[in-house]
Amino acid sequence: MKEFENRFLDEAQAREDELYKTFFGVHESITLPGDVKNQVTSIYKEALNDVP
């Protein structure tokens, strides 16, 4: 944690919005069967809306 803080924290804080959109989002998946894809995507999106 100290190494992250020393090397990357300033950059991470400056790019917080960009990083949040990149890593805390629902991305297209080619491995989900079509019949469950919409249901699973809906669950993911609902869970992400609860993230502060």
N, C-alpha and C. Protein backbone atom coordinates (compact mmCIF):
# COMPACT_ATOMS: atom_id res chain seq x y z
N MET A 1 0.82 -1.19 0.00
CA MET A 1 0.00 0.00 0.00
C MET A 1 0.87 1.27 0.00
N LYS A 2 1.94 1.23 0.76
CA LYS A 2 2.81 2.41 0.81
C LYS A 2 3.43 2.68 -0.56
N GLU A 3 3.81 1.61 -1.27
CA GLU A 3 4.39 1.80 -2.60
C GLU A 3 3.38 2.42 -3.56
N PHE A 4 2.14 1.93 -3.52
CA PHE A 4 1.08 2.51 -4.34
C PHE A 4 0.90 3.99 -3.99
N GLU A 5 0.83 4.26 -2.70
CA GLU A 5 0.65 5.64 -2.25
C GLU A 5 1.78 6.53 -2.76
N ASN A 6 2.99 6.06 -2.65
CA ASN A 6 4.14 6.87 -3.07
C ASN A 6 4.23 7.05 -4.58
N ARG A 7 3.89 6.01 -5.32
CA ARG A 7 4.11 6.05 -6.77
C ARG A 7 2.89 6.47 -7.58
N PHE A 8 1.69 6.12 -7.13
CA PHE A 8 0.54 6.26 -8.02
C PHE A 8 -0.65 7.05 -7.46
N LEU A 9 -0.68 7.33 -6.19
CA LEU A 9 -1.88 7.93 -5.60
C LEU A 9 -2.24 9.27 -6.22
N ASP A 10 -1.26 10.13 -6.42
CA ASP A 10 -1.56 11.46 -7.00
C ASP A 10 -2.20 11.32 -8.38
N GLU A 11 -1.62 10.45 -9.21
CA GLU A 11 -2.18 10.25 -10.55
C GLU A 11 -3.57 9.64 -10.47
N ALA A 12 -3.75 8.65 -9.61
CA ALA A 12 -5.05 7.99 -9.48
C ALA A 12 -6.12 8.98 -9.03
N GLN A 13 -5.77 9.85 -8.11
CA GLN A 13 -6.75 10.84 -7.66
C GLN A 13 -7.07 11.85 -8.76
N ALA A 14 -6.09 12.22 -9.54
CA ALA A 14 -6.31 13.17 -10.63
C ALA A 14 -7.18 12.56 -11.73
N ARG A 15 -7.08 11.24 -11.91
CA ARG A 15 -7.84 10.56 -12.97
C ARG A 15 -9.01 9.76 -12.42
N GLU A 16 -9.47 10.06 -11.22
CA GLU A 16 -10.49 9.26 -10.54
C GLU A 16 -11.73 9.02 -11.39
N ASP A 17 -12.28 10.05 -11.98
CA ASP A 17 -13.49 9.89 -12.79
C ASP A 17 -13.25 8.97 -13.97
N GLU A 18 -12.15 9.16 -14.66
CA GLU A 18 -11.82 8.33 -15.82
C GLU A 18 -11.62 6.87 -15.41
N LEU A 19 -10.88 6.65 -14.34
CA LEU A 19 -10.61 5.29 -13.88
C LEU A 19 -11.89 4.61 -13.38
N TYR A 20 -12.74 5.36 -12.72
CA TYR A 20 -14.00 4.80 -12.23
C TYR A 20 -14.84 4.31 -13.41
N LYS A 21 -14.95 5.12 -14.46
CA LYS A 21 -15.74 4.74 -15.63
C LYS A 21 -15.15 3.52 -16.33
N THR A 22 -13.82 3.42 -16.34
CA THR A 22 -13.15 2.31 -17.01
C THR A 22 -13.29 1.01 -16.24
N PHE A 23 -13.08 1.05 -14.94
CA PHE A 23 -12.98 -0.19 -14.17
C PHE A 23 -14.24 -0.55 -13.40
N PHE A 24 -15.17 0.38 -13.21
CA PHE A 24 -16.40 0.08 -12.50
C PHE A 24 -17.59 0.24 -13.43
N GLY A 25 -17.54 -0.50 -14.50
CA GLY A 25 -18.61 -0.45 -15.47
C GLY A 25 -18.90 -1.83 -16.02
N VAL A 26 -19.96 -1.93 -16.75
CA VAL A 26 -20.32 -3.19 -17.38
C VAL A 26 -19.75 -3.18 -18.79
N HIS A 27 -18.98 -4.20 -19.11
CA HIS A 27 -18.33 -4.30 -20.40
C HIS A 27 -18.96 -5.45 -21.19
N GLU A 28 -18.91 -5.34 -22.49
CA GLU A 28 -19.44 -6.36 -23.38
C GLU A 28 -18.74 -7.70 -23.12
N SER A 29 -19.52 -8.76 -23.11
CA SER A 29 -18.96 -10.08 -22.87
C SER A 29 -19.36 -11.03 -23.99
N ILE A 30 -18.39 -11.75 -24.53
CA ILE A 30 -18.69 -12.73 -25.57
C ILE A 30 -18.90 -14.12 -24.99
N THR A 31 -18.72 -14.27 -23.68
CA THR A 31 -18.83 -15.59 -23.06
C THR A 31 -20.18 -15.84 -22.41
N LEU A 32 -21.01 -14.82 -22.28
CA LEU A 32 -22.34 -15.01 -21.69
C LEU A 32 -23.32 -15.48 -22.75
N PRO A 33 -24.07 -16.53 -22.44
CA PRO A 33 -25.10 -16.96 -23.39
C PRO A 33 -26.16 -15.87 -23.56
N GLY A 34 -26.65 -15.73 -24.76
CA GLY A 34 -27.61 -14.67 -25.07
C GLY A 34 -28.86 -14.69 -24.20
N ASP A 35 -29.32 -15.88 -23.80
CA ASP A 35 -30.57 -15.94 -23.04
C ASP A 35 -30.44 -15.41 -21.62
N VAL A 36 -29.24 -15.31 -21.07
CA VAL A 36 -29.07 -14.77 -19.73
C VAL A 36 -28.33 -13.42 -19.72
N LYS A 37 -27.82 -13.04 -20.85
CA LYS A 37 -27.00 -11.83 -20.94
C LYS A 37 -27.72 -10.58 -20.43
N ASN A 38 -28.94 -10.36 -20.86
CA ASN A 38 -29.68 -9.16 -20.44
C ASN A 38 -29.97 -9.18 -18.95
N GLN A 39 -30.31 -10.35 -18.43
CA GLN A 39 -30.60 -10.45 -17.00
C GLN A 39 -29.35 -10.18 -16.16
N VAL A 40 -28.24 -10.78 -16.56
CA VAL A 40 -27.00 -10.60 -15.82
C VAL A 40 -26.53 -9.15 -15.92
N THR A 41 -26.61 -8.58 -17.09
CA THR A 41 -26.20 -7.18 -17.28
C THR A 41 -27.04 -6.26 -16.41
N SER A 42 -28.32 -6.53 -16.33
CA SER A 42 -29.21 -5.73 -15.49
C SER A 42 -28.80 -5.81 -14.01
N ILE A 43 -28.46 -7.00 -13.55
CA ILE A 43 -28.02 -7.18 -12.17
C ILE A 43 -26.74 -6.41 -11.91
N TYR A 44 -25.78 -6.50 -12.82
CA TYR A 44 -24.51 -5.78 -12.67
C TYR A 44 -24.75 -4.28 -12.60
N LYS A 45 -25.56 -3.77 -13.49
CA LYS A 45 -25.82 -2.33 -13.52
C LYS A 45 -26.49 -1.86 -12.23
N GLU A 46 -27.43 -2.66 -11.74
CA GLU A 46 -28.10 -2.31 -10.48
C GLU A 46 -27.10 -2.30 -9.33
N ALA A 47 -26.23 -3.30 -9.28
CA ALA A 47 -25.23 -3.36 -8.21
C ALA A 47 -24.27 -2.18 -8.29
N LEU A 48 -23.87 -1.79 -9.50
CA LEU A 48 -22.95 -0.67 -9.65
C LEU A 48 -23.59 0.65 -9.26
N ASN A 49 -24.89 0.77 -9.39
CA ASN A 49 -25.57 1.99 -8.99
C ASN A 49 -25.55 2.16 -7.48
N ASP A 50 -25.37 1.07 -6.74
CA ASP A 50 -25.32 1.12 -5.29
C ASP A 50 -23.92 1.45 -4.76
N VAL A 51 -22.92 1.51 -5.64
CA VAL A 51 -21.55 1.82 -5.23
C VAL A 51 -21.46 3.31 -4.98
N PRO A 52 -20.94 3.70 -3.81
CA PRO A 52 -20.85 5.14 -3.51
C PRO A 52 -19.90 5.88 -4.41
